[in-house]
Protein backbone atom coordinates (compact mmCIF):
# COMPACT_ATOMS: atom_id res chain seq x y z
CA UNK A 1 -4.77 16.04 -2.82
CA UNK A 2 -5.85 18.50 -0.15
CA UNK A 3 -7.70 21.11 -2.18
CA UNK A 4 -9.35 18.81 -4.75
CA UNK A 5 -9.33 15.14 -3.70
CA UNK A 6 -10.33 15.57 -0.06
CA UNK A 7 -13.54 17.58 -0.73
CA UNK A 8 -14.44 15.20 -3.60
CA UNK A 9 -14.01 12.12 -1.37
CA UNK A 10 -16.05 13.71 1.44
CA UNK A 11 -18.87 14.61 -0.97
CA UNK A 12 -18.90 11.09 -2.43
CA UNK A 13 -19.07 9.74 1.12
CA UNK A 14 -22.20 11.80 1.76
CA UNK A 15 -23.81 10.68 -1.52
CA UNK A 16 -22.95 6.99 -1.05
CA UNK A 17 -24.51 6.74 2.40
CA UNK A 18 -27.82 7.51 4.05
CA UNK A 19 -26.44 9.36 7.04
CA UNK A 20 -28.68 11.40 9.34
CA UNK A 21 -28.52 15.20 9.00
CA UNK A 22 -26.10 15.65 11.92
CA UNK A 23 -23.44 13.41 10.35
CA UNK A 24 -23.88 15.10 6.97
CA UNK A 25 -23.52 18.46 8.69
CA UNK A 26 -20.20 17.40 10.22
CA UNK A 27 -18.94 16.10 6.87
CA UNK A 28 -20.00 19.36 5.19
CA UNK A 29 -18.12 21.24 7.91
CA UNK A 30 -15.04 19.13 7.16
CA UNK A 31 -15.31 20.15 3.50
CA UNK A 32 -15.62 23.81 4.50
CA UNK A 33 -12.56 23.56 6.77
CA UNK A 34 -10.33 22.49 3.85
CA UNK A 35 -7.81 24.01 3.22
CA UNK A 36 -7.74 27.30 5.17
CA UNK A 37 -9.04 26.40 8.63
CA UNK A 38 -6.60 25.21 11.33
CA UNK A 39 -6.48 21.59 12.39
CA UNK A 40 -8.23 20.97 15.69
CA UNK A 41 -8.08 18.23 18.29
CA UNK A 42 -10.30 15.23 17.66
CA UNK A 43 -13.62 15.06 19.48
CA UNK A 44 -13.89 11.30 19.86
CA UNK A 45 -13.84 10.41 23.57
CA UNK A 46 -12.91 6.86 24.45
CA UNK A 47 -11.68 5.92 20.96
CA UNK A 48 -8.81 3.40 21.18
CA UNK A 49 -6.41 5.68 19.29
CA UNK A 50 -7.44 9.03 20.76
CA UNK A 51 -4.50 9.54 23.16
CA UNK A 52 -1.94 8.78 20.44
CA UNK A 53 -3.72 11.06 17.97
CA UNK A 54 -3.92 14.02 20.36
CA UNK A 55 -0.19 13.63 21.04
CA UNK A 56 0.64 13.39 17.32
CA UNK A 57 -1.53 16.41 16.51
CA UNK A 58 -0.17 18.70 19.20
CA UNK A 59 2.74 20.14 17.11
CA UNK A 60 0.35 21.10 14.30
CA UNK A 61 -2.65 22.61 16.07
CA UNK A 62 -3.30 26.08 14.70
CA UNK A 63 -1.77 25.27 11.31
CA UNK A 64 -4.04 24.86 8.28
CA UNK A 65 -4.30 21.89 5.93
CA UNK A 66 -1.58 23.17 3.59
CA UNK A 67 0.86 24.07 6.36
CA UNK A 68 1.07 20.68 8.07
CA UNK A 69 3.02 17.77 6.54
CA UNK A 70 1.08 16.15 3.71
CA UNK A 71 0.94 12.69 5.31
CA UNK A 72 -0.38 14.16 8.56
CA UNK A 73 -3.10 16.00 6.63
CA UNK A 74 -4.10 12.79 4.82
CA UNK A 75 -4.36 10.62 7.91
CA UNK A 76 -6.14 13.40 9.80
CA UNK A 77 -8.70 13.78 7.00
CA UNK A 78 -9.77 10.13 7.18
CA UNK A 79 -9.71 10.22 10.97
CA UNK A 80 -12.10 13.20 10.88
CA UNK A 81 -14.50 11.17 8.72
CA UNK A 82 -14.44 8.39 11.33
CA UNK A 83 -15.09 10.98 14.04
CA UNK A 84 -18.03 12.43 12.08
CA UNK A 85 -19.83 9.11 11.57
CA UNK A 86 -19.16 7.85 15.12
CA UNK A 87 -17.09 4.86 14.00
CA UNK A 88 -15.64 4.37 17.50
CA UNK A 89 -18.78 5.35 19.44
CA UNK A 90 -21.73 3.23 20.52
CA UNK A 91 -24.49 3.84 18.01
CA UNK A 92 -25.87 2.91 14.57
CA UNK A 93 -22.58 3.62 12.75
CA UNK A 94 -20.14 2.01 15.15
CA UNK A 95 -17.68 0.02 13.03
CA UNK A 96 -19.41 1.16 9.82
CA UNK A 97 -17.40 1.45 6.57
CA UNK A 98 -18.52 4.63 4.75
CA UNK A 99 -16.56 3.59 1.64
CA UNK A 100 -18.06 0.12 1.25
CA UNK A 101 -20.15 0.88 -1.86
CA UNK A 102 -17.09 2.10 -3.76
CA UNK A 103 -15.10 -0.92 -2.62
CA UNK A 104 -17.76 -3.31 -3.94
CA UNK A 105 -17.73 -1.61 -7.33
CA UNK A 106 -13.95 -1.95 -7.74
CA UNK A 107 -13.96 -5.63 -6.68
CA UNK A 108 -16.18 -6.64 -9.59
CA UNK A 109 -13.77 -4.95 -12.03
CA UNK A 110 -11.02 -7.37 -10.99
CA UNK A 111 -12.46 -10.50 -12.61
CA UNK A 112 -10.07 -10.95 -15.57
CA UNK A 113 -6.90 -10.30 -13.54
CA UNK A 114 -8.23 -12.64 -10.83
CA UNK A 115 -8.65 -15.47 -13.34
CA UNK A 116 -5.13 -14.90 -14.73
CA UNK A 117 -3.64 -15.01 -11.25
CA UNK A 118 -5.57 -18.14 -10.24
CA UNK A 119 -4.46 -19.91 -13.43
CA UNK A 120 -0.82 -19.07 -12.72
CA UNK A 121 -1.13 -20.36 -9.14
CA UNK A 122 -2.75 -23.59 -10.32
CA UNK A 123 0.00 -24.06 -12.94
CA UNK A 124 2.72 -23.48 -10.31
CA UNK A 125 1.24 -25.94 -7.83
CA UNK A 126 0.71 -28.61 -10.53
CA UNK A 127 4.30 -28.19 -11.72
CA UNK A 128 5.58 -28.60 -8.18
CA UNK A 129 3.54 -31.78 -7.68
CA UNK A 130 4.93 -33.11 -10.98
CA UNK A 131 8.49 -32.55 -9.80
CA UNK A 132 9.16 -29.54 -12.03
CA UNK A 133 11.14 -26.67 -10.50
CA UNK A 134 9.94 -23.64 -12.46
CA UNK A 135 8.56 -21.98 -9.35
CA UNK A 136 11.28 -19.27 -9.36
CA UNK A 137 10.06 -17.76 -12.64
CA UNK A 138 6.44 -18.21 -11.56
CA UNK A 139 7.09 -16.36 -8.31
CA UNK A 140 8.66 -13.48 -10.22
CA UNK A 141 5.53 -13.29 -12.35
CA UNK A 142 3.26 -13.36 -9.27
CA UNK A 143 5.27 -10.46 -7.78
CA UNK A 144 4.98 -8.40 -10.97
CA UNK A 145 1.22 -9.01 -11.13
CA UNK A 146 1.00 -8.10 -7.47
CA UNK A 147 2.66 -4.69 -7.73
CA UNK A 148 0.36 -3.61 -10.58
CA UNK A 149 -2.66 -4.44 -8.45
CA UNK A 150 -1.68 -1.27 -6.57
CA UNK A 151 -3.00 0.81 -9.49
CA UNK A 152 -6.51 0.19 -8.13
CA UNK A 153 -6.51 2.96 -5.52
CA UNK A 154 -9.85 4.61 -4.76
CA UNK A 155 -8.25 7.58 -2.99
CA UNK A 156 -6.69 8.50 -6.37
CA UNK A 157 -9.36 7.37 -8.84
CA UNK A 158 -12.96 6.69 -7.78
CA UNK A 159 -14.65 3.44 -8.81
CA UNK A 160 -16.19 4.83 -12.01
CA UNK A 161 -13.19 6.95 -13.00
CA UNK A 162 -10.67 5.93 -15.66
CA UNK A 163 -7.34 5.00 -14.07
CA UNK A 164 -4.00 3.60 -15.24
CA UNK A 165 -4.25 -0.16 -15.71
CA UNK A 166 -1.26 -2.04 -17.10
CA UNK A 167 -2.77 -5.39 -18.05
CA UNK A 168 -0.34 -6.29 -20.84
CA UNK A 169 2.83 -8.12 -19.72
CA UNK A 170 5.05 -5.89 -21.87
CA UNK A 171 3.61 -2.74 -20.26
CA UNK A 172 4.09 -4.23 -16.81
CA UNK A 173 7.76 -4.93 -17.44
CA UNK A 174 8.66 -1.69 -19.25
CA UNK A 175 7.02 0.47 -16.55
CA UNK A 176 8.98 -1.13 -13.70
CA UNK A 177 11.67 1.37 -12.71
CA UNK A 178 13.29 -1.08 -10.29
CA UNK A 179 12.64 -4.80 -10.40
CA UNK A 180 14.09 -6.94 -7.59
CA UNK A 181 11.61 -9.78 -8.22
CA UNK A 182 14.40 -12.17 -9.16
CA UNK A 183 16.44 -11.20 -6.08
CA UNK A 184 13.35 -11.68 -3.91
CA UNK A 185 12.82 -15.16 -5.36
CA UNK A 186 16.51 -15.94 -4.75
CA UNK A 187 16.14 -14.77 -1.14
CA UNK A 188 13.08 -16.96 -0.58
CA UNK A 189 14.86 -20.02 -2.00
CA UNK A 190 18.33 -19.52 -0.50
CA UNK A 191 17.04 -18.78 3.00
CA UNK A 192 15.25 -22.10 3.19
CA UNK A 193 11.68 -22.22 4.42
CA UNK A 194 10.95 -18.92 6.15
CA UNK A 195 9.16 -19.17 9.47
CA UNK A 196 6.98 -16.11 8.82
CA UNK A 197 6.32 -13.57 6.09
CA UNK A 198 4.33 -10.44 6.99
CA UNK A 199 2.30 -8.27 4.62
CA UNK A 200 1.54 -4.62 5.42
CA UNK A 201 -1.62 -4.44 3.34
CA UNK A 202 -2.82 -1.55 1.22
CA UNK A 203 -5.90 -1.58 -1.05
CA UNK A 204 -9.00 -3.74 -1.19
CA UNK A 205 -10.11 -5.13 -4.57
CA UNK A 206 -7.60 -6.25 -7.23
CA UNK A 207 -4.63 -5.55 -4.97
CA UNK A 208 -5.93 -7.56 -2.02
CA UNK A 209 -6.80 -10.44 -4.35
CA UNK A 210 -3.18 -10.46 -5.55
CA UNK A 211 -1.95 -10.32 -1.95
CA UNK A 212 -4.08 -13.35 -1.16
CA UNK A 213 -2.64 -15.04 -4.26
CA UNK A 214 0.94 -14.27 -3.26
CA UNK A 215 0.27 -15.63 0.24
CA UNK A 216 -1.23 -18.76 -1.33
CA UNK A 217 1.91 -19.19 -3.45
CA UNK A 218 4.27 -18.83 -0.48
CA UNK A 219 2.27 -21.27 1.66
CA UNK A 220 1.29 -23.82 -1.00
CA UNK A 221 4.82 -23.94 -2.42
CA UNK A 222 6.14 -24.36 1.15
CA UNK A 223 8.36 -21.27 0.98
CA UNK A 224 6.95 -19.96 4.27
CA UNK A 225 5.60 -21.73 7.35
CA UNK A 226 3.20 -18.87 8.07
CA UNK A 227 1.98 -15.58 6.58
CA UNK A 228 0.53 -12.72 8.59
CA UNK A 229 -1.60 -9.96 7.06
CA UNK A 230 -1.50 -6.58 8.84
CA UNK A 231 -4.74 -4.80 7.94
CA UNK A 232 -6.12 -1.37 8.80
CA UNK A 233 -8.32 -1.31 11.92
CA UNK A 234 -10.65 1.31 10.40
CA UNK A 235 -11.54 2.67 6.93
CA UNK A 236 -8.77 4.85 5.43
CA UNK A 237 -7.75 6.05 1.97
CA UNK A 238 -11.21 4.92 0.74
CA UNK A 239 -10.04 1.46 -0.36
CA UNK A 240 -7.56 0.38 2.32
CA UNK A 241 -8.15 -3.20 3.43
CA UNK A 242 -9.51 -4.17 6.85
CA UNK A 243 -9.96 -7.69 8.22
CA UNK A 244 -13.68 -7.77 7.22
CA UNK A 245 -12.54 -6.88 3.68
CA UNK A 246 -10.28 -9.95 3.63
CA UNK A 247 -13.22 -12.17 4.57
CA UNK A 248 -15.54 -10.57 1.99
CA UNK A 249 -12.87 -11.07 -0.68
CA UNK A 250 -12.53 -14.74 0.21
CA UNK A 251 -16.33 -15.10 -0.02
CA UNK A 252 -16.19 -13.50 -3.49
CA UNK A 253 -13.44 -15.90 -4.61
CA UNK A 254 -15.27 -18.93 -3.16
CA UNK A 255 -18.30 -18.45 -5.45
CA UNK A 256 -16.44 -17.29 -8.57
CA UNK A 257 -17.49 -18.90 -11.86
CA UNK A 258 -13.90 -19.95 -12.62
CA UNK A 259 -12.88 -23.25 -10.92
CA UNK A 260 -9.23 -22.17 -10.48
CA UNK A 261 -10.40 -19.09 -8.55
CA UNK A 262 -12.59 -21.20 -6.26
CA UNK A 263 -9.58 -23.43 -5.65
CA UNK A 264 -7.61 -20.42 -4.38
CA UNK A 265 -10.38 -19.78 -1.84
CA UNK A 266 -10.35 -23.44 -0.75
CA UNK A 267 -6.58 -23.48 -0.26
CA UNK A 268 -6.70 -20.20 1.65
CA UNK A 269 -9.46 -21.58 3.90
CA UNK A 270 -7.20 -24.55 4.69
CA UNK A 271 -4.26 -22.22 5.40
CA UNK A 272 -6.47 -20.25 7.81
CA UNK A 273 -7.74 -23.38 9.57
CA UNK A 274 -4.14 -24.59 9.94
CA UNK A 275 -3.22 -21.15 11.34
CA UNK A 276 -0.66 -20.69 8.59
CA UNK A 277 -2.46 -17.56 7.37
CA UNK A 278 -3.14 -15.09 10.17
CA UNK A 279 -4.84 -11.68 10.25
CA UNK A 280 -3.96 -8.77 12.53
CA UNK A 281 -4.79 -5.08 12.78
CA UNK A 282 -3.52 -2.22 14.92
CA UNK A 283 -4.09 1.52 15.23
CA UNK A 284 -0.45 2.15 14.30
CA UNK A 285 -1.31 1.42 10.65
CA UNK A 286 -3.71 4.40 10.61
CA UNK A 287 -1.51 6.79 12.60
CA UNK A 288 0.52 9.68 11.11
CA UNK A 289 3.76 8.20 12.49
CA UNK A 290 6.53 7.24 10.08
CA UNK A 291 7.92 3.73 10.30
CA UNK A 292 11.30 4.73 11.72
CA UNK A 293 9.38 6.07 14.74
CA UNK A 294 7.28 2.92 15.13
CA UNK A 295 6.41 1.97 18.73
CA UNK A 296 8.53 -0.70 20.39
CA UNK A 297 5.74 -3.28 20.26
CA UNK A 298 5.39 -2.84 16.46
CA UNK A 299 9.18 -3.08 16.08
CA UNK A 300 9.16 -6.30 18.11
CA UNK A 301 6.27 -7.71 16.07
CA UNK A 302 7.99 -7.07 12.74
CA UNK A 303 11.34 -8.30 14.10
CA UNK A 304 9.75 -11.73 14.53
CA UNK A 305 9.18 -11.91 10.77
CA UNK A 306 11.77 -13.17 8.27
CA UNK A 307 10.44 -10.91 5.52
CA UNK A 308 8.02 -7.98 5.53
CA UNK A 309 6.23 -7.17 2.27
CA UNK A 310 5.16 -3.52 2.24
CA UNK A 311 2.34 -2.73 -0.16
CA UNK A 312 1.52 0.51 -1.90
CA UNK A 313 2.40 4.17 -1.99
CA UNK A 314 1.40 5.43 1.47
CA UNK A 315 3.32 2.65 3.24
CA UNK A 316 6.36 3.42 1.06
CA UNK A 317 6.14 7.09 2.02
CA UNK A 318 6.04 6.11 5.69
CA UNK A 319 9.09 3.89 5.16
CA UNK A 320 11.03 6.85 3.74
CA UNK A 321 9.69 9.48 6.15
CA UNK A 322 7.85 11.22 3.27
CA UNK A 323 11.01 13.23 2.65
CA UNK A 324 12.45 14.84 -0.47
CA UNK A 325 15.08 12.20 -1.21
CA UNK A 326 17.07 12.29 -4.41
CA UNK A 327 15.42 9.50 -6.48
CA UNK A 328 18.85 7.96 -7.09
CA UNK A 329 19.37 7.32 -3.34
CA UNK A 330 19.76 3.53 -2.89
CA UNK A 331 16.66 1.97 -1.33
CA UNK A 332 18.66 -0.17 1.08
CA UNK A 333 20.59 2.87 2.38
CA UNK A 334 17.34 4.40 3.64
CA UNK A 335 15.85 1.15 4.94
CA UNK A 336 18.80 0.19 7.17
CA UNK A 337 16.71 1.01 10.26
CA UNK A 338 13.99 -1.54 9.41
CA UNK A 339 13.95 -4.48 11.85
CA UNK A 340 14.00 -7.26 9.23
CA UNK A 341 14.30 -7.92 5.50
CA UNK A 342 11.88 -5.81 3.50
CA UNK A 343 10.26 -6.12 0.07
CA UNK A 344 8.43 -3.01 -1.16
CA UNK A 345 5.83 -3.32 -3.95
CA UNK A 346 4.68 0.15 -4.95
CA UNK A 347 3.07 2.09 -7.79
CA UNK A 348 4.38 5.67 -7.66
CA UNK A 349 1.65 8.18 -6.77
CA UNK A 350 3.62 10.76 -4.76
CA UNK A 351 6.70 12.90 -5.37
CA UNK A 352 9.05 10.55 -3.59
CA UNK A 353 11.29 7.93 -5.18
CA UNK A 354 14.31 5.85 -4.21
CA UNK A 355 16.66 3.50 -6.01
CA UNK A 356 16.08 4.82 -9.54
CA UNK A 357 19.03 4.84 -11.96
CA UNK A 358 20.22 8.38 -12.94
CA UNK A 359 19.68 7.59 -16.63
CA UNK A 360 16.07 6.64 -15.93
CA UNK A 361 15.47 9.79 -13.89
CA UNK A 362 16.81 12.00 -16.70
CA UNK A 363 14.75 10.18 -19.33
CA UNK A 364 11.52 10.30 -17.31
CA UNK A 365 11.93 13.95 -16.33
CA UNK A 366 11.89 14.80 -20.04
CA UNK A 367 9.47 12.18 -21.40
CA UNK A 368 6.93 11.99 -18.57
CA UNK A 369 7.30 14.94 -16.14
CA UNK A 370 4.52 13.53 -13.91
CA UNK A 371 6.18 10.12 -13.59
CA UNK A 372 6.31 10.26 -9.79
CA UNK A 373 2.59 10.92 -9.36
CA UNK A 374 0.55 9.60 -12.31
CA UNK A 375 0.35 5.93 -11.28
CA UNK A 376 2.03 4.71 -14.49
CA UNK A 377 5.33 3.54 -12.95
CA UNK A 378 6.21 1.05 -10.23
CA UNK A 379 9.05 -0.48 -8.21
CA UNK A 380 9.79 -3.88 -6.67
CA UNK A 381 12.61 -3.27 -4.20
CA UNK A 382 14.32 -5.60 -1.73
CA UNK A 383 16.34 -4.64 1.34
CA UNK A 384 17.98 -7.67 2.96
CA UNK A 385 18.83 -7.56 6.65
């Protein structure tokens, strides 16, 4: 990630944008700094997250990119890109997304999976209106589709690069190392109508479309009174979703050629107008802090939710402190600190795993030695409070 992916992402950022020479010079300097130069303090006066960042960086100043914890290096890399383009400063690139061109390219690739999802949602809603009660199985299917949307990760595979893509239902099931979708559906039905479900979002594109679809299911099927999306406040990990990305996705769905897809956009627009679907962002989501050290105000915010749905690999690593757990460690044993019930939907892209059966670990270690990092395997894991 540090020695190969970071320089590649920075070079693509230069090529994808028409930055003035000074910004390109700073991005080139960032490339030159990796991996041997020491991390330095950020030079971004007045940025809303600057005080927190300088505090978080202080233990690692003087260490190079391969000496600091991996997650710190990752978050610092994207924060340095924001510093270079002046994202937080008054000027032509204030609030600018340097990864937008890549994001647009990956959104178009999501058309077939989007149609499949919209058809399933329409079927579920029609069945409910007809008095049928098959929503439990439909919700399980929506959750399985949702987790595989996490394969579309531009920090791992750029928009034109071949990436893992489990479209077939058999592949999706056989590559799930832990599948609590049924338990999650049981939880949503046995608890009665939940007052609020929160999503900690991950990627734009196919994944965000499936998050919107899952929110539509929960609200349209009256399983939750409200859903809140927690988005990134600034561009990170190339394809991480911000609030403007949610709106652009809804615009894309609203003009889709498939009527069922346009219906999703209409229902979501109603949910937003009724304040049942809410959007929020905060600098904590782009900080190098692990979730068990979350600030009190974030803890209080998540405590108000009946269920938090954590999306993707980086959020999962933050949940587990990015530590070298034995992969057979029960997921719930590690998540006991979390302020409410938690559902994690994650494609494995880092050498960290929890809740995997010993027989599976032994089989995968022999059959697919890169199973923790190659994006071919996933988990759906529930921790009930």
